[in-house]
Structures are given as structure tokens and as C-alpha cells.
Amino acid sequence: MAKPDSLFFFIDPSRCIGCQACVHACTECDTHRGDSMIHLEYVDRSRSTQTVPVVCMHCEQPTCAEVCPADAIKRTADGVVQSARKPRCIACGNCVLACPFGVPELYDERKIMMKCDMCYDRTSAGKKPMCATVCPSQALFFGTREQIDQLRPQSIPTNRFQFGGQAITTGVFVMAPRRLAAPAPLVDVTAALDDRPPARAVRLTLVPPPASDRTGAAPADATDPFAAVEVPS
């Protein structure tokens, strides 16, 4: 069976509370042999405790599969990128280095790469992945677009990411604030290099001396040598 086309996996990093329930639930999956295929990353550990769940994003053109010399990684017709096939995987680690999201892991003792396959035994039957089943804050959600739009009206799902000159479209969606999702106008940061300061002129005017000092003195213009001086910028 294939994953139903109407069901998608959504990640909302802003709702992750770092409880690691997803990590422990993933280890319960029989196909993972006690290892978790999901992990948490800290956004800025030196300043915050905010965590983000990291799973396979199931790219439309998976880089891990493209660099695999043994053709061990397959993407099924329903868009799920499967873990490496044991008979083919040569544990070269190319996929680990190539993945822009840092998901695949190489298990040296087993000589195989393993990664999240969206709990294919469950999702292909219309069930939620293990991690989404136990997430108490619904930072991991598996459902339809209509359901996520109803649950998160202030957010918008996105599945396009830019890595340098490479644009990647994924099967997994990340929830982002709706007001920041609109394309922002481009800012020409080099335009400031052409800015010219406004023309200005500095006039030096001396304060006239007290009347008592003027007695018998020369005319005021004669005591002010800078009265008519202009200094251009």
C-alpha cells in the first residue's frame, strides 16, 4: 500500500517543547531496531532552550539517492524516500554528506545507512507516524491540508527551501508565520555605496565684542578676520 495522497507531514518548530517524546516513540518502531530516526536540534543553544525536531524531509529530488553509487535509496511513487536497502548499501557515507538537512546516519556496525522513512508501515496504512502520535504540542502533525489550515490559521505550510543556488522541494511541510511567508521586497544593499552627502557650507561668524571693548577700537569688520570666510565641504 502507498501513503494516501491527502495526508501530509507537518512540522511546526515553534511548538516544540523539547520533551523528546517523539525520540522515545521512534525507538519503539520495529523497523528501527531500537534506534530513533528523529532527533532534536537546538536553535541557539547558548541563548535559548528552543528545540526543533529533525526528520527526513522526503525531497522530490532526493540528493541522498542521487549521490548513492549503489542505488540503494529509493523514492516510492507516493513521495516517501525509503531508507537504504540492506543488500545494496555499501556504507560509503555519501548520502550523509550530501543531505542538506543532515538527516541520514551511518551505522558502522551494521554497515548501513538508516533514516526516517515516515514510519512507512504505518503511514501507508493511513496511520500517523509514531512521533506524531505522541507529540503533546502537535509540533509534529500528520493529516490533511484542511486540518492544518483549521488548526493553525496564523501559519502557512511551506515546502520549498533554498541552499545556496539549489532550490529543494520537499514532501514534508514546515509551518511558518503567515505574515512572514509573503515575499519581502528585495533590498539593494550596494545602493548605499553610491550615496553622496548633501552639499553644505560652513560660515564662521564671530560674536561682536562687548561695547566697552569697542571704545577707541577699530571697526567691527576689521576685528573679525573670518567674518566673510566660507568653508565648503
Foldseek 3Di string as FASTA:
>chain_A
DFFDLQKFKEAEQVQDPPPCPLQQLQLPQPVVVRGGQKDWDAPDVVPDRRIGIDADQLWPPQQLQVPQPQNQWDQDPSRFIAFGDLVRQQLPCPSCVRGPRNRWDGDVVSRGIHHDRQSGVASRVVHHRRSCVPRPRNSIHMGGPVVVCVVCVQWDWDQWDDDPPDIIGGRYTYIDGPVVVPDDDDDDPCVVVPDDDDWDKDADADDFDDPVVPVVHDDRVVVDPRRPPIDTD
